[in-house]
């Protein structure tokens, strides 16, 4: 559902950009570092919109990937800590059990004496 909503939102933005571009049919001169071009204003707007969209997705993808890696690392750390806690609990339970057995043995010895 989230993907559907985001896809519809992106399509609406692109449609809005195309509608604005159709209203601006003027020819403008674009100066690059080494060349000049005469392009329709709508084409220049579409190129700028597309480049902005692409750069934004690249930056968001990088940030998402970084968070994904950090999350994976933290999950491993939690799993490792959980295993250590379980081992400690098992050793504590074994110690308590052995102490209980020792206490029972000592009581039984005192009763027989």
N, C-alpha and C. Protein backbone atom coordinates (compact mmCIF):
# COMPACT_ATOMS: atom_id res chain seq x y z
N UNK A 1 0.82 -1.18 0.00
CA UNK A 1 0.00 0.00 0.00
C UNK A 1 0.87 1.26 0.00
N UNK A 2 1.96 1.19 0.78
CA UNK A 2 2.87 2.33 0.84
C UNK A 2 3.51 2.58 -0.52
N UNK A 3 3.88 1.52 -1.21
CA UNK A 3 4.47 1.64 -2.53
C UNK A 3 3.47 2.24 -3.52
N UNK A 4 2.23 1.81 -3.42
CA UNK A 4 1.19 2.34 -4.31
C UNK A 4 1.00 3.83 -4.10
N UNK A 5 0.92 4.26 -2.85
CA UNK A 5 0.71 5.68 -2.55
C UNK A 5 1.90 6.51 -3.03
N UNK A 6 3.12 6.03 -2.79
CA UNK A 6 4.29 6.79 -3.25
C UNK A 6 4.36 6.83 -4.77
N UNK A 7 3.97 5.75 -5.43
CA UNK A 7 3.98 5.74 -6.91
C UNK A 7 2.96 6.73 -7.47
N UNK A 8 1.78 6.77 -6.87
CA UNK A 8 0.76 7.72 -7.31
C UNK A 8 1.24 9.15 -7.08
N UNK A 9 1.88 9.40 -5.94
CA UNK A 9 2.40 10.74 -5.66
C UNK A 9 3.46 11.15 -6.68
N UNK A 10 4.36 10.24 -7.02
CA UNK A 10 5.40 10.54 -8.01
C UNK A 10 4.76 10.81 -9.37
N UNK A 11 3.79 10.02 -9.76
CA UNK A 11 3.12 10.25 -11.05
C UNK A 11 2.40 11.59 -11.07
N UNK A 12 1.80 11.96 -9.96
CA UNK A 12 1.13 13.26 -9.90
C UNK A 12 2.12 14.41 -10.05
N UNK A 13 3.28 14.28 -9.41
CA UNK A 13 4.30 15.33 -9.52
C UNK A 13 4.82 15.42 -10.95
N UNK A 14 5.07 14.28 -11.57
CA UNK A 14 5.55 14.28 -12.96
C UNK A 14 4.49 14.88 -13.88
N UNK A 15 3.23 14.52 -13.68
CA UNK A 15 2.15 15.07 -14.50
C UNK A 15 2.05 16.57 -14.32
N UNK A 16 2.19 17.03 -13.09
CA UNK A 16 2.16 18.46 -12.82
C UNK A 16 3.31 19.17 -13.52
N UNK A 17 4.49 18.56 -13.49
CA UNK A 17 5.65 19.14 -14.18
C UNK A 17 5.44 19.21 -15.68
N UNK A 18 4.85 18.17 -16.26
CA UNK A 18 4.58 18.16 -17.70
C UNK A 18 3.55 19.24 -18.05
N UNK A 19 2.54 19.40 -17.21
CA UNK A 19 1.52 20.42 -17.48
C UNK A 19 2.12 21.82 -17.45
N UNK A 20 2.99 22.07 -16.48
CA UNK A 20 3.64 23.39 -16.42
C UNK A 20 4.55 23.56 -17.62
N UNK A 21 5.25 22.50 -17.99
CA UNK A 21 6.15 22.57 -19.13
C UNK A 21 5.43 22.85 -20.44
N UNK A 22 4.23 22.32 -20.60
CA UNK A 22 3.46 22.56 -21.82
C UNK A 22 3.03 24.01 -21.94
N UNK A 23 2.86 24.66 -20.82
CA UNK A 23 2.43 26.07 -20.84
C UNK A 23 3.60 27.00 -21.16
N UNK A 24 4.84 26.51 -21.00
CA UNK A 24 6.02 27.34 -21.24
C UNK A 24 6.74 26.83 -22.49
N UNK A 25 6.29 27.25 -23.63
CA UNK A 25 6.88 26.80 -24.89
C UNK A 25 7.94 27.75 -25.43
N UNK A 26 8.34 28.73 -24.67
CA UNK A 26 9.34 29.70 -25.12
C UNK A 26 10.69 29.02 -25.33
N UNK A 27 11.45 29.54 -26.28
CA UNK A 27 12.78 29.03 -26.55
C UNK A 27 13.77 29.86 -25.74
N UNK A 28 14.63 29.16 -24.99
CA UNK A 28 15.65 29.83 -24.18
C UNK A 28 17.02 29.33 -24.61
N UNK A 29 18.01 30.16 -24.36
CA UNK A 29 19.37 29.79 -24.69
C UNK A 29 20.07 29.34 -23.41
N UNK A 30 20.60 28.12 -23.45
CA UNK A 30 21.27 27.54 -22.29
C UNK A 30 22.77 27.58 -22.57
N UNK A 31 23.51 28.23 -21.65
CA UNK A 31 24.96 28.34 -21.79
C UNK A 31 25.64 27.32 -20.90
N UNK A 32 26.38 26.39 -21.52
CA UNK A 32 27.19 25.45 -20.78
C UNK A 32 28.60 26.01 -20.69
N UNK A 33 29.50 25.26 -20.08
CA UNK A 33 30.88 25.74 -19.97
C UNK A 33 31.55 25.88 -21.33
N UNK A 34 31.25 24.97 -22.25
CA UNK A 34 31.95 25.00 -23.54
C UNK A 34 31.00 25.13 -24.73
N UNK A 35 29.71 25.20 -24.49
CA UNK A 35 28.77 25.24 -25.61
C UNK A 35 27.51 26.03 -25.23
N UNK A 36 26.73 26.36 -26.28
CA UNK A 36 25.44 27.01 -26.11
C UNK A 36 24.40 26.18 -26.83
N UNK A 37 23.20 26.14 -26.25
CA UNK A 37 22.11 25.42 -26.91
C UNK A 37 20.84 26.24 -26.77
N UNK A 38 20.02 26.17 -27.78
CA UNK A 38 18.69 26.77 -27.71
C UNK A 38 17.68 25.64 -27.51
N UNK A 39 16.99 25.67 -26.37
CA UNK A 39 16.04 24.63 -26.03
C UNK A 39 14.72 25.26 -25.62
N UNK A 40 13.69 24.47 -25.73
CA UNK A 40 12.40 24.91 -25.25
C UNK A 40 12.45 24.97 -23.73
N UNK A 41 11.75 25.92 -23.15
CA UNK A 41 11.75 26.09 -21.70
C UNK A 41 11.18 24.85 -21.01
N UNK A 42 10.21 24.22 -21.63
CA UNK A 42 9.64 23.01 -21.03
C UNK A 42 10.66 21.88 -20.97
N UNK A 43 11.52 21.78 -21.98
CA UNK A 43 12.55 20.74 -21.98
C UNK A 43 13.60 21.03 -20.90
N UNK A 44 13.98 22.29 -20.77
CA UNK A 44 14.94 22.67 -19.72
C UNK A 44 14.36 22.36 -18.35
N UNK A 45 13.07 22.68 -18.15
CA UNK A 45 12.43 22.39 -16.87
C UNK A 45 12.35 20.89 -16.61
N UNK A 46 12.05 20.11 -17.64
CA UNK A 46 11.97 18.66 -17.48
C UNK A 46 13.33 18.07 -17.14
N UNK A 47 14.38 18.56 -17.78
CA UNK A 47 15.74 18.08 -17.49
C UNK A 47 16.12 18.41 -16.06
N UNK A 48 15.85 19.64 -15.64
CA UNK A 48 16.18 20.04 -14.26
C UNK A 48 15.37 19.22 -13.25
N UNK A 49 14.10 19.00 -13.53
CA UNK A 49 13.27 18.20 -12.64
C UNK A 49 13.79 16.77 -12.56
N UNK A 50 14.12 16.19 -13.71
CA UNK A 50 14.62 14.82 -13.75
C UNK A 50 15.94 14.68 -13.02
N UNK A 51 16.86 15.64 -13.22
CA UNK A 51 18.14 15.57 -12.52
C UNK A 51 17.96 15.72 -11.01
N UNK A 52 17.07 16.63 -10.61
CA UNK A 52 16.80 16.80 -9.18
C UNK A 52 16.20 15.54 -8.59
N UNK A 53 15.28 14.93 -9.31
CA UNK A 53 14.65 13.68 -8.86
C UNK A 53 15.69 12.58 -8.73
N UNK A 54 16.57 12.46 -9.72
CA UNK A 54 17.61 11.43 -9.71
C UNK A 54 18.59 11.65 -8.56
N UNK A 55 19.07 12.87 -8.37
CA UNK A 55 20.00 13.14 -7.29
C UNK A 55 19.37 12.88 -5.92
N UNK A 56 18.10 13.25 -5.80
CA UNK A 56 17.40 13.01 -4.54
C UNK A 56 17.31 11.52 -4.24
N UNK A 57 16.96 10.72 -5.25
CA UNK A 57 16.87 9.27 -5.04
C UNK A 57 18.23 8.67 -4.72
N UNK A 58 19.28 9.18 -5.33
CA UNK A 58 20.62 8.68 -5.03
C UNK A 58 20.99 8.98 -3.58
N UNK A 59 20.74 10.20 -3.14
CA UNK A 59 21.06 10.58 -1.76
C UNK A 59 20.22 9.79 -0.78
N UNK A 60 18.92 9.69 -1.03
CA UNK A 60 18.04 8.92 -0.14
C UNK A 60 18.41 7.44 -0.13
N UNK A 61 18.78 6.90 -1.29
CA UNK A 61 19.21 5.51 -1.36
C UNK A 61 20.47 5.27 -0.55
N UNK A 62 21.40 6.20 -0.63
CA UNK A 62 22.63 6.08 0.14
C UNK A 62 22.33 6.13 1.64
N UNK A 63 21.49 7.07 2.07
CA UNK A 63 21.14 7.17 3.48
C UNK A 63 20.38 5.93 3.95
N UNK A 64 19.47 5.42 3.13
CA UNK A 64 18.72 4.22 3.47
C UNK A 64 19.66 3.02 3.60
N UNK A 65 20.59 2.89 2.68
CA UNK A 65 21.54 1.78 2.71
C UNK A 65 22.41 1.85 3.96
N UNK A 66 22.83 3.06 4.31
CA UNK A 66 23.65 3.24 5.50
C UNK A 66 22.87 2.84 6.76
N UNK A 67 21.61 3.24 6.84
CA UNK A 67 20.78 2.84 7.97
C UNK A 67 20.52 1.34 7.98
N UNK A 68 20.35 0.75 6.81
CA UNK A 68 20.14 -0.70 6.70
C UNK A 68 21.35 -1.45 7.25
N UNK A 69 22.53 -1.01 6.88
CA UNK A 69 23.76 -1.65 7.35
C UNK A 69 23.89 -1.48 8.87
N UNK A 70 23.62 -0.28 9.38
CA UNK A 70 23.70 -0.04 10.82
C UNK A 70 22.69 -0.91 11.57
N UNK A 71 21.49 -1.04 11.02
CA UNK A 71 20.45 -1.87 11.64
C UNK A 71 20.88 -3.33 11.68
N UNK A 72 21.47 -3.80 10.59
CA UNK A 72 21.94 -5.18 10.52
C UNK A 72 23.04 -5.42 11.56
N UNK A 73 23.94 -4.46 11.69
CA UNK A 73 25.02 -4.57 12.67
C UNK A 73 24.44 -4.62 14.09
N UNK A 74 23.47 -3.77 14.38
CA UNK A 74 22.88 -3.75 15.71
C UNK A 74 22.09 -5.03 16.01
N UNK A 75 21.42 -5.58 14.99
CA UNK A 75 20.72 -6.86 15.20
C UNK A 75 21.71 -7.96 15.54
N UNK A 76 22.84 -8.01 14.87
CA UNK A 76 23.86 -9.01 15.17
C UNK A 76 24.37 -8.83 16.60
N UNK A 77 24.55 -7.57 16.98
CA UNK A 77 25.03 -7.28 18.32
C UNK A 77 24.00 -7.73 19.37
N UNK A 78 22.73 -7.50 19.10
CA UNK A 78 21.67 -7.93 20.02
C UNK A 78 21.64 -9.46 20.11
N UNK A 79 21.75 -10.13 18.97
CA UNK A 79 21.76 -11.60 18.98
C UNK A 79 22.94 -12.14 19.79
N UNK A 80 24.10 -11.53 19.60
CA UNK A 80 25.29 -11.96 20.33
C UNK A 80 25.09 -11.73 21.83
N UNK A 81 24.55 -10.58 22.19
CA UNK A 81 24.32 -10.28 23.61
C UNK A 81 23.26 -11.22 24.20
N UNK A 82 22.23 -11.53 23.42
CA UNK A 82 21.20 -12.45 23.90
C UNK A 82 21.79 -13.84 24.16
N UNK A 83 22.65 -14.30 23.28
CA UNK A 83 23.30 -15.59 23.48
C UNK A 83 24.17 -15.58 24.74
N UNK A 84 24.88 -14.48 24.96
CA UNK A 84 25.70 -14.38 26.15
C UNK A 84 24.84 -14.38 27.41
N UNK A 85 23.72 -13.69 27.37
CA UNK A 85 22.81 -13.65 28.52
C UNK A 85 22.26 -15.05 28.80
N UNK A 86 21.87 -15.76 27.76
CA UNK A 86 21.37 -17.12 27.95
C UNK A 86 22.43 -18.03 28.56
N UNK A 87 23.67 -17.91 28.11
CA UNK A 87 24.75 -18.71 28.67
C UNK A 87 24.95 -18.39 30.15
N UNK A 88 24.92 -17.10 30.47
CA UNK A 88 25.07 -16.70 31.87
C UNK A 88 23.93 -17.23 32.72
N UNK A 89 22.71 -17.15 32.21
CA UNK A 89 21.56 -17.66 32.96
C UNK A 89 21.66 -19.17 33.17
N UNK A 90 22.12 -19.89 32.14
CA UNK A 90 22.29 -21.34 32.28
C UNK A 90 23.34 -21.67 33.33
N UNK A 91 24.44 -20.92 33.31
CA UNK A 91 25.49 -21.19 34.31
C UNK A 91 25.00 -20.83 35.71
N UNK A 92 24.21 -19.78 35.85
CA UNK A 92 23.64 -19.41 37.15
C UNK A 92 22.69 -20.50 37.62
N UNK A 93 21.85 -21.00 36.74
CA UNK A 93 20.91 -22.06 37.10
C UNK A 93 21.65 -23.34 37.50
N UNK A 94 22.71 -23.67 36.77
CA UNK A 94 23.50 -24.85 37.13
C UNK A 94 24.17 -24.68 38.49
N UNK A 95 24.66 -23.46 38.73
CA UNK A 95 25.29 -23.18 40.02
C UNK A 95 24.28 -23.28 41.15
N UNK A 96 23.09 -22.71 40.94
CA UNK A 96 22.04 -22.79 41.96
C UNK A 96 21.65 -24.25 42.20
N UNK A 97 21.53 -25.02 41.14
CA UNK A 97 21.17 -26.42 41.26
C UNK A 97 22.24 -27.20 42.02
N UNK A 98 23.50 -26.96 41.70
CA UNK A 98 24.59 -27.66 42.40
C UNK A 98 24.65 -27.22 43.85
N UNK A 99 24.40 -25.95 44.14
CA UNK A 99 24.38 -25.49 45.53
C UNK A 99 23.22 -26.12 46.28
N UNK A 100 22.08 -26.26 45.63
CA UNK A 100 20.93 -26.89 46.26
C UNK A 100 21.24 -28.36 46.57
N UNK A 101 21.89 -29.02 45.62
CA UNK A 101 22.28 -30.42 45.86
C UNK A 101 23.26 -30.52 47.02
N UNK A 102 24.22 -29.60 47.08
CA UNK A 102 25.18 -29.60 48.19
C UNK A 102 24.48 -29.36 49.52
N UNK A 103 23.53 -28.41 49.51
CA UNK A 103 22.79 -28.11 50.74
C UNK A 103 21.95 -29.31 51.16
N UNK A 104 21.33 -29.98 50.23
CA UNK A 104 20.53 -31.17 50.53
C UNK A 104 21.43 -32.28 51.08
N UNK A 105 22.60 -32.44 50.49
CA UNK A 105 23.54 -33.47 50.95
C UNK A 105 24.01 -33.19 52.37
N UNK A 106 24.29 -31.88 52.61
CA UNK A 106 24.74 -31.51 53.96
C UNK A 106 23.64 -31.74 54.98
N UNK A 107 22.41 -31.45 54.62
CA UNK A 107 21.28 -31.68 55.54
C UNK A 107 21.09 -33.17 55.79
N UNK A 108 21.21 -33.97 54.76
CA UNK A 108 21.03 -35.40 54.93
C UNK A 108 22.14 -35.99 55.79
N UNK A 109 23.35 -35.47 55.67
CA UNK A 109 24.46 -35.92 56.49
C UNK A 109 24.25 -35.56 57.96
N UNK A 110 23.70 -34.36 58.22
CA UNK A 110 23.47 -33.93 59.59
C UNK A 110 22.36 -34.76 60.24
N UNK A 111 21.37 -35.15 59.43
CA UNK A 111 20.28 -35.95 59.97
C UNK A 111 20.75 -37.35 60.35
N UNK A 112 21.70 -37.87 59.59
CA UNK A 112 22.19 -39.22 59.87
C UNK A 112 23.13 -39.25 61.06
N UNK A 113 23.73 -38.16 61.39
CA UNK A 113 24.69 -38.13 62.50
C UNK A 113 24.01 -38.08 63.79
